[in-house]
Amino acid sequence: DARFAVVLPEEPAQVQVDLAIKKVKQGDPVAAGL
């Protein structure tokens, strides 16, 4: 609506996002950063 194009992650990148979130919740932000 604000006329921005949007770039979404492809599946391999989304898997890495899922893992990053999981690692933060598990108390391992260093692994999450990787």
PDB file of all heavy atoms in Angstrom:
ATOM      1  N   ASP A   1       0.826  -1.205   0.000  1.00  0.00           N
ATOM      2  CA  ASP A   1       0.000   0.000   0.000  1.00  0.00           C
ATOM      3  C   ASP A   1       0.867   1.264   0.000  1.00  0.00           C
ATOM      4  O   ASP A   1       0.466   2.309  -0.534  1.00  0.00           O
ATOM      5  CB  ASP A   1      -0.930   0.027   1.220  1.00  0.00           C
ATOM      6  CG  ASP A   1      -2.068  -0.977   1.108  1.00  0.00           C
ATOM      7  OD1 ASP A   1      -2.293  -1.495  -0.011  1.00  0.00           O
ATOM      8  OD2 ASP A   1      -2.719  -1.256   2.134  1.00  0.00           O
ATOM      9  N   ALA A   2       2.037   1.163   0.633  1.00  0.00           N
ATOM     10  CA  ALA A   2       2.966   2.296   0.678  1.00  0.00           C
ATOM     11  C   ALA A   2       3.904   2.307  -0.529  1.00  0.00           C
ATOM     12  O   ALA A   2       4.840   3.099  -0.575  1.00  0.00           O
ATOM     13  CB  ALA A   2       3.782   2.250   1.971  1.00  0.00           C
ATOM     14  N   ARG A   3       3.665   1.420  -1.485  1.00  0.00           N
ATOM     15  CA  ARG A   3       4.407   1.358  -2.744  1.00  0.00           C
ATOM     16  C   ARG A   3       5.853   0.914  -2.572  1.00  0.00           C
ATOM     17  O   ARG A   3       6.738   1.354  -3.283  1.00  0.00           O
ATOM     18  CB  ARG A   3       4.324   2.698  -3.493  1.00  0.00           C
ATOM     19  CG  ARG A   3       2.915   3.003  -3.983  1.00  0.00           C
ATOM     20  CD  ARG A   3       2.812   4.324  -4.692  1.00  0.00           C
ATOM     21  NE  ARG A   3       3.051   5.428  -3.769  1.00  0.00           N
ATOM     22  CZ  ARG A   3       3.950   6.386  -3.981  1.00  0.00           C
ATOM     23  NH1 ARG A   3       4.710   6.378  -5.052  1.00  0.00           N
ATOM     24  NH2 ARG A   3       4.099   7.369  -3.113  1.00  0.00           N
ATOM     25  N   PHE A   4       6.078   0.034  -1.592  1.00  0.00           N
ATOM     26  CA  PHE A   4       7.371  -0.607  -1.445  1.00  0.00           C
ATOM     27  C   PHE A   4       7.318  -1.998  -2.067  1.00  0.00           C
ATOM     28  O   PHE A   4       6.368  -2.742  -1.846  1.00  0.00           O
ATOM     29  CB  PHE A   4       7.755  -0.760   0.028  1.00  0.00           C
ATOM     30  CG  PHE A   4       8.212   0.505   0.690  1.00  0.00           C
ATOM     31  CD1 PHE A   4       7.318   1.277   1.415  1.00  0.00           C
ATOM     32  CD2 PHE A   4       9.534   0.913   0.595  1.00  0.00           C
ATOM     33  CE1 PHE A   4       7.740   2.441   2.036  1.00  0.00           C
ATOM     34  CE2 PHE A   4       9.958   2.070   1.212  1.00  0.00           C
ATOM     35  CZ  PHE A   4       9.062   2.844   1.937  1.00  0.00           C
ATOM     36  N   ALA A   5       8.341  -2.329  -2.818  1.00  0.00           N
ATOM     37  CA  ALA A   5       8.514  -3.720  -3.239  1.00  0.00           C
ATOM     38  C   ALA A   5       8.971  -4.532  -2.025  1.00  0.00           C
ATOM     39  O   ALA A   5       9.592  -4.000  -1.111  1.00  0.00           O
ATOM     40  CB  ALA A   5       9.539  -3.805  -4.358  1.00  0.00           C
ATOM     41  N   VAL A   6       8.634  -5.806  -2.005  1.00  0.00           N
ATOM     42  CA  VAL A   6       8.923  -6.657  -0.853  1.00  0.00           C
ATOM     43  C   VAL A   6       9.732  -7.869  -1.311  1.00  0.00           C
ATOM     44  O   VAL A   6       9.403  -8.509  -2.314  1.00  0.00           O
ATOM     45  CB  VAL A   6       7.623  -7.131  -0.164  1.00  0.00           C
ATOM     46  CG1 VAL A   6       7.933  -8.050   1.003  1.00  0.00           C
ATOM     47  CG2 VAL A   6       6.802  -5.931   0.304  1.00  0.00           C
ATOM     48  N   VAL A   7      10.780  -8.167  -0.552  1.00  0.00           N
ATOM     49  CA  VAL A   7      11.603  -9.347  -0.820  1.00  0.00           C
ATOM     50  C   VAL A   7      11.450 -10.310   0.349  1.00  0.00           C
ATOM     51  O   VAL A   7      11.769  -9.964   1.495  1.00  0.00           O
ATOM     52  CB  VAL A   7      13.090  -8.966  -0.991  1.00  0.00           C
ATOM     53  CG1 VAL A   7      13.933 -10.218  -1.229  1.00  0.00           C
ATOM     54  CG2 VAL A   7      13.261  -7.984  -2.141  1.00  0.00           C
ATOM     55  N   LEU A   8      10.932 -11.494   0.075  1.00  0.00           N
ATOM     56  CA  LEU A   8      10.760 -12.527   1.093  1.00  0.00           C
ATOM     57  C   LEU A   8      11.862 -13.573   0.972  1.00  0.00           C
ATOM     58  O   LEU A   8      12.392 -13.799  -0.118  1.00  0.00           O
ATOM     59  CB  LEU A   8       9.390 -13.204   0.941  1.00  0.00           C
ATOM     60  CG  LEU A   8       8.162 -12.307   1.085  1.00  0.00           C
ATOM     61  CD1 LEU A   8       6.891 -13.129   0.879  1.00  0.00           C
ATOM     62  CD2 LEU A   8       8.144 -11.617   2.433  1.00  0.00           C
ATOM     63  N   PRO A   9      12.215 -14.233   2.072  1.00  0.00           N
ATOM     64  CA  PRO A   9      13.265 -15.244   2.004  1.00  0.00           C
ATOM     65  C   PRO A   9      12.812 -16.471   1.231  1.00  0.00           C
ATOM     66  O   PRO A   9      11.659 -16.896   1.334  1.00  0.00           O
ATOM     67  CB  PRO A   9      13.533 -15.581   3.474  1.00  0.00           C
ATOM     68  CG  PRO A   9      12.252 -15.242   4.174  1.00  0.00           C
ATOM     69  CD  PRO A   9      11.691 -14.055   3.440  1.00  0.00           C
ATOM     70  N   GLU A  10      13.726 -17.040   0.477  1.00  0.00           N
ATOM     71  CA  GLU A  10      13.454 -18.329  -0.127  1.00  0.00           C
ATOM     72  C   GLU A  10      13.618 -19.408   0.941  1.00  0.00           C
ATOM     73  O   GLU A  10      14.127 -19.151   2.034  1.00  0.00           O
ATOM     74  CB  GLU A  10      14.400 -18.543  -1.311  1.00  0.00           C
ATOM     75  CG  GLU A  10      14.137 -17.532  -2.437  1.00  0.00           C
ATOM     76  CD  GLU A  10      15.097 -17.653  -3.595  1.00  0.00           C
ATOM     77  OE1 GLU A  10      16.174 -18.273  -3.401  1.00  0.00           O
ATOM     78  OE2 GLU A  10      14.794 -17.125  -4.679  1.00  0.00           O
ATOM     79  N   GLU A  11      13.181 -20.623   0.643  1.00  0.00           N
ATOM     80  CA  GLU A  11      13.086 -21.662   1.669  1.00  0.00           C
ATOM     81  C   GLU A  11      14.397 -21.921   2.417  1.00  0.00           C
ATOM     82  O   GLU A  11      14.372 -22.017   3.652  1.00  0.00           O
ATOM     83  CB  GLU A  11      12.543 -22.957   1.060  1.00  0.00           C
ATOM     84  CG  GLU A  11      12.405 -24.101   2.056  1.00  0.00           C
ATOM     85  CD  GLU A  11      11.467 -23.788   3.227  1.00  0.00           C
ATOM     86  OE1 GLU A  11      10.618 -22.879   3.095  1.00  0.00           O
ATOM     87  OE2 GLU A  11      11.589 -24.454   4.273  1.00  0.00           O
ATOM     88  N   PRO A  12      15.541 -22.031   1.749  1.00  0.00           N
ATOM     89  CA  PRO A  12      16.767 -22.270   2.537  1.00  0.00           C
ATOM     90  C   PRO A  12      17.056 -21.150   3.541  1.00  0.00           C
ATOM     91  O   PRO A  12      17.495 -21.420   4.668  1.00  0.00           O
ATOM     92  CB  PRO A  12      17.851 -22.354   1.461  1.00  0.00           C
ATOM     93  CG  PRO A  12      17.128 -22.795   0.232  1.00  0.00           C
ATOM     94  CD  PRO A  12      15.795 -22.100   0.300  1.00  0.00           C
ATOM     95  N   ALA A  13      16.787 -19.898   3.152  1.00  0.00           N
ATOM     96  CA  ALA A  13      16.991 -18.787   4.075  1.00  0.00           C
ATOM     97  C   ALA A  13      15.977 -18.816   5.205  1.00  0.00           C
ATOM     98  O   ALA A  13      16.309 -18.528   6.364  1.00  0.00           O
ATOM     99  CB  ALA A  13      16.907 -17.455   3.329  1.00  0.00           C
ATOM    100  N   GLN A  14      14.734 -19.207   4.889  1.00  0.00           N
ATOM    101  CA  GLN A  14      13.715 -19.280   5.933  1.00  0.00           C
ATOM    102  C   GLN A  14      14.061 -20.339   6.969  1.00  0.00           C
ATOM    103  O   GLN A  14      13.817 -20.153   8.166  1.00  0.00           O
ATOM    104  CB  GLN A  14      12.341 -19.570   5.324  1.00  0.00           C
ATOM    105  CG  GLN A  14      11.202 -19.562   6.339  1.00  0.00           C
ATOM    106  CD  GLN A  14      11.028 -18.208   7.015  1.00  0.00           C
ATOM    107  OE1 GLN A  14      10.953 -17.175   6.345  1.00  0.00           O
ATOM    108  NE2 GLN A  14      10.971 -18.200   8.350  1.00  0.00           N
ATOM    109  N   VAL A  15      14.641 -21.421   6.533  1.00  0.00           N
ATOM    110  CA  VAL A  15      15.081 -22.454   7.473  1.00  0.00           C
ATOM    111  C   VAL A  15      16.098 -21.872   8.445  1.00  0.00           C
ATOM    112  O   VAL A  15      16.058 -22.137   9.656  1.00  0.00           O
ATOM    113  CB  VAL A  15      15.675 -23.664   6.722  1.00  0.00           C
ATOM    114  CG1 VAL A  15      16.368 -24.620   7.693  1.00  0.00           C
ATOM    115  CG2 VAL A  15      14.576 -24.405   5.953  1.00  0.00           C
ATOM    116  N   GLN A  16      17.005 -21.039   7.943  1.00  0.00           N
ATOM    117  CA  GLN A  16      17.996 -20.407   8.812  1.00  0.00           C
ATOM    118  C   GLN A  16      17.344 -19.417   9.776  1.00  0.00           C
ATOM    119  O   GLN A  16      17.750 -19.311  10.945  1.00  0.00           O
ATOM    120  CB  GLN A  16      19.059 -19.705   7.964  1.00  0.00           C
ATOM    121  CG  GLN A  16      19.909 -20.636   7.117  1.00  0.00           C
ATOM    122  CD  GLN A  16      20.670 -21.657   7.947  1.00  0.00           C
ATOM    123  OE1 GLN A  16      21.194 -21.338   9.012  1.00  0.00           O
ATOM    124  NE2 GLN A  16      20.735 -22.897   7.462  1.00  0.00           N
ATOM    125  N   VAL A  17      16.328 -18.707   9.322  1.00  0.00           N
ATOM    126  CA  VAL A  17      15.578 -17.804  10.213  1.00  0.00           C
ATOM    127  C   VAL A  17      14.899 -18.614  11.314  1.00  0.00           C
ATOM    128  O   VAL A  17      14.957 -18.243  12.501  1.00  0.00           O
ATOM    129  CB  VAL A  17      14.538 -16.997   9.415  1.00  0.00           C
ATOM    130  CG1 VAL A  17      13.625 -16.203  10.362  1.00  0.00           C
ATOM    131  CG2 VAL A  17      15.221 -16.055   8.447  1.00  0.00           C
ATOM    132  N   ASP A  18      14.252 -19.721  10.940  1.00  0.00           N
ATOM    133  CA  ASP A  18      13.594 -20.570  11.932  1.00  0.00           C
ATOM    134  C   ASP A  18      14.594 -21.019  13.003  1.00  0.00           C
ATOM    135  O   ASP A  18      14.284 -21.009  14.201  1.00  0.00           O
ATOM    136  CB  ASP A  18      12.992 -21.810  11.261  1.00  0.00           C
ATOM    137  CG  ASP A  18      11.904 -21.489  10.257  1.00  0.00           C
ATOM    138  OD1 ASP A  18      11.388 -20.352  10.286  1.00  0.00           O
ATOM    139  OD2 ASP A  18      11.584 -22.376   9.443  1.00  0.00           O
ATOM    140  N   LEU A  19      15.776 -21.402  12.562  1.00  0.00           N
ATOM    141  CA  LEU A  19      16.795 -21.872  13.498  1.00  0.00           C
ATOM    142  C   LEU A  19      17.302 -20.737  14.378  1.00  0.00           C
ATOM    143  O   LEU A  19      17.568 -20.933  15.575  1.00  0.00           O
ATOM    144  CB  LEU A  19      17.953 -22.515  12.738  1.00  0.00           C
ATOM    145  CG  LEU A  19      17.641 -23.865  12.077  1.00  0.00           C
ATOM    146  CD1 LEU A  19      18.778 -24.286  11.139  1.00  0.00           C
ATOM    147  CD2 LEU A  19      17.398 -24.942  13.135  1.00  0.00           C
ATOM    148  N   ALA A  20      17.449 -19.560  13.805  1.00  0.00           N
ATOM    149  CA  ALA A  20      17.897 -18.407  14.595  1.00  0.00           C
ATOM    150  C   ALA A  20      16.914 -18.100  15.712  1.00  0.00           C
ATOM    151  O   ALA A  20      17.297 -17.871  16.872  1.00  0.00           O
ATOM    152  CB  ALA A  20      18.085 -17.191  13.689  1.00  0.00           C
ATOM    153  N   ILE A  21      15.629 -18.100  15.382  1.00  0.00           N
ATOM    154  CA  ILE A  21      14.595 -17.839  16.386  1.00  0.00           C
ATOM    155  C   ILE A  21      14.623 -18.921  17.471  1.00  0.00           C
ATOM    156  O   ILE A  21      14.567 -18.633  18.671  1.00  0.00           O
ATOM    157  CB  ILE A  21      13.215 -17.763  15.710  1.00  0.00           C
ATOM    158  CG1 ILE A  21      13.154 -16.553  14.761  1.00  0.00           C
ATOM    159  CG2 ILE A  21      12.100 -17.681  16.757  1.00  0.00           C
ATOM    160  CD1 ILE A  21      11.958 -16.562  13.835  1.00  0.00           C
ATOM    161  N   LYS A  22      14.715 -20.156  17.030  1.00  0.00           N
ATOM    162  CA  LYS A  22      14.739 -21.284  17.971  1.00  0.00           C
ATOM    163  C   LYS A  22      15.922 -21.176  18.926  1.00  0.00           C
ATOM    164  O   LYS A  22      15.778 -21.397  20.144  1.00  0.00           O
ATOM    165  CB  LYS A  22      14.796 -22.599  17.193  1.00  0.00           C
ATOM    166  CG  LYS A  22      14.813 -23.850  18.062  1.00  0.00           C
ATOM    167  CD  LYS A  22      14.834 -25.106  17.201  1.00  0.00           C
ATOM    168  CE  LYS A  22      14.844 -26.368  18.039  1.00  0.00           C
ATOM    169  NZ  LYS A  22      14.843 -27.593  17.189  1.00  0.00           N
ATOM    170  N   LYS A  23      17.089 -20.809  18.403  1.00  0.00           N
ATOM    171  CA  LYS A  23      18.284 -20.742  19.242  1.00  0.00           C
ATOM    172  C   LYS A  23      18.191 -19.601  20.260  1.00  0.00           C
ATOM    173  O   LYS A  23      18.668 -19.738  21.397  1.00  0.00           O
ATOM    174  CB  LYS A  23      19.524 -20.582  18.368  1.00  0.00           C
ATOM    175  CG  LYS A  23      19.908 -21.843  17.600  1.00  0.00           C
ATOM    176  CD  LYS A  23      20.209 -23.005  18.557  1.00  0.00           C
ATOM    177  CE  LYS A  23      20.604 -24.264  17.822  1.00  0.00           C
ATOM    178  NZ  LYS A  23      20.875 -25.390  18.756  1.00  0.00           N
ATOM    179  N   VAL A  24      17.575 -18.480  19.897  1.00  0.00           N
ATOM    180  CA  VAL A  24      17.362 -17.405  20.875  1.00  0.00           C
ATOM    181  C   VAL A  24      16.478 -17.903  22.000  1.00  0.00           C
ATOM    182  O   VAL A  24      16.757 -17.693  23.189  1.00  0.00           O
ATOM    183  CB  VAL A  24      16.760 -16.153  20.211  1.00  0.00           C
ATOM    184  CG1 VAL A  24      16.332 -15.146  21.281  1.00  0.00           C
ATOM    185  CG2 VAL A  24      17.763 -15.511  19.268  1.00  0.00           C
ATOM    186  N   LYS A  25      15.399 -18.587  21.640  1.00  0.00           N
ATOM    187  CA  LYS A  25      14.474 -19.089  22.655  1.00  0.00           C
ATOM    188  C   LYS A  25      15.127 -20.152  23.537  1.00  0.00           C
ATOM    189  O   LYS A  25      14.740 -20.330  24.699  1.00  0.00           O
ATOM    190  CB  LYS A  25      13.211 -19.638  21.989  1.00  0.00           C
ATOM    191  CG  LYS A  25      12.339 -18.550  21.353  1.00  0.00           C
ATOM    192  CD  LYS A  25      11.092 -19.136  20.734  1.00  0.00           C
ATOM    193  CE  LYS A  25      10.201 -18.065  20.107  1.00  0.00           C
ATOM    194  NZ  LYS A  25       9.604 -17.166  21.103  1.00  0.00           N
ATOM    195  N   GLN A  26      16.129 -20.827  23.001  1.00  0.00           N
ATOM    196  CA  GLN A  26      16.851 -21.829  23.776  1.00  0.00           C
ATOM    197  C   GLN A  26      18.010 -21.230  24.575  1.00  0.00           C
ATOM    198  O   GLN A  26      18.743 -21.953  25.242  1.00  0.00           O
ATOM    199  CB  GLN A  26      17.378 -22.927  22.844  1.00  0.00           C
ATOM    200  CG  GLN A  26      16.279 -23.794  22.241  1.00  0.00           C
ATOM    201  CD  GLN A  26      16.818 -24.825  21.259  1.00  0.00           C
ATOM    202  OE1 GLN A  26      17.936 -24.695  20.740  1.00  0.00           O
ATOM    203  NE2 GLN A  26      16.032 -25.859  20.988  1.00  0.00           N
ATOM    204  N   GLY A  27      18.176 -19.914  24.491  1.00  0.00           N
ATOM    205  CA  GLY A  27      19.226 -19.252  25.251  1.00  0.00           C
ATOM    206  C   GLY A  27      20.604 -19.334  24.629  1.00  0.00           C
ATOM    207  O   GLY A  27      21.612 -19.216  25.329  1.00  0.00           O
ATOM    208  N   ASP A  28      20.668 -19.496  23.307  1.00  0.00           N
ATOM    209  CA  ASP A  28      21.952 -19.593  22.615  1.00  0.00           C
ATOM    210  C   ASP A  28      22.015 -18.536  21.500  1.00  0.00           C
ATOM    211  O   ASP A  28      21.962 -18.871  20.310  1.00  0.00           O
ATOM    212  CB  ASP A  28      22.125 -20.998  22.027  1.00  0.00           C
ATOM    213  CG  ASP A  28      23.530 -21.254  21.508  1.00  0.00           C
ATOM    214  OD1 ASP A  28      24.347 -20.311  21.494  1.00  0.00           O
ATOM    215  OD2 ASP A  28      23.810 -22.399  21.115  1.00  0.00           O
ATOM    216  N   PRO A  29      22.140 -17.259  21.868  1.00  0.00           N
ATOM    217  CA  PRO A  29      22.117 -16.204  20.848  1.00  0.00           C
ATOM    218  C   PRO A  29      23.327 -16.222  19.925  1.00  0.00           C
ATOM    219  O   PRO A  29      23.250 -15.706  18.806  1.00  0.00           O
ATOM    220  CB  PRO A  29      22.068 -14.916  21.674  1.00  0.00           C
ATOM    221  CG  PRO A  29      22.693 -15.277  22.982  1.00  0.00           C
ATOM    222  CD  PRO A  29      22.282 -16.701  23.224  1.00  0.00           C
ATOM    223  N   VAL A  30      24.440 -16.797  20.366  1.00  0.00           N
ATOM    224  CA  VAL A  30      25.619 -16.869  19.507  1.00  0.00           C
ATOM    225  C   VAL A  30      25.329 -17.764  18.291  1.00  0.00           C
ATOM    226  O   VAL A  30      25.588 -17.381  17.141  1.00  0.00           O
ATOM    227  CB  VAL A  30      26.834 -17.381  20.285  1.00  0.00           C
ATOM    228  CG1 VAL A  30      28.027 -17.555  19.346  1.00  0.00           C
ATOM    229  CG2 VAL A  30      27.199 -16.416  21.415  1.00  0.00           C
ATOM    230  N   ALA A  31      24.780 -18.942  18.547  1.00  0.00           N
ATOM    231  CA  ALA A  31      24.390 -19.816  17.437  1.00  0.00           C
ATOM    232  C   ALA A  31      23.300 -19.165  16.599  1.00  0.00           C
ATOM    233  O   ALA A  31      23.287 -19.285  15.361  1.00  0.00           O
ATOM    234  CB  ALA A  31      23.908 -21.166  17.977  1.00  0.00           C
ATOM    235  N   ALA A  32      22.400 -18.446  17.254  1.00  0.00           N
ATOM    236  CA  ALA A  32      21.343 -17.750  16.529  1.00  0.00           C
ATOM    237  C   ALA A  32      21.931 -16.747  15.555  1.00  0.00           C
ATOM    238  O   ALA A  32      21.445 -16.594  14.419  1.00  0.00           O
ATOM    239  CB  ALA A  32      20.413 -17.046  17.520  1.00  0.00           C
ATOM    240  N   GLY A  33      22.988 -16.038  15.982  1.00  0.00           N
ATOM    241  CA  GLY A  33      23.620 -15.070  15.101  1.00  0.00           C
ATOM    242  C   GLY A  33      24.210 -15.705  13.859  1.00  0.00           C
ATOM    243  O   GLY A  33      24.143 -15.137  12.757  1.00  0.00           O
ATOM    244  N   LEU A  34      24.770 -16.897  14.000  1.00  0.00           N
ATOM    245  CA  LEU A  34      25.326 -17.600  12.842  1.00  0.00           C
ATOM    246  C   LEU A  34      24.232 -17.966  11.846  1.00  0.00           C
ATOM    247  O   LEU A  34      24.399 -17.807  10.632  1.00  0.00           O
ATOM    248  CB  LEU A  34      26.065 -18.848  13.298  1.00  0.00           C
ATOM    249  CG  LEU A  34      27.334 -18.608  14.138  1.00  0.00           C
ATOM    250  CD1 LEU A  34      27.893 -19.939  14.639  1.00  0.00           C
ATOM    251  CD2 LEU A  34      28.384 -17.858  13.326  1.00  0.00           C
TER     252      LEU A  34
END
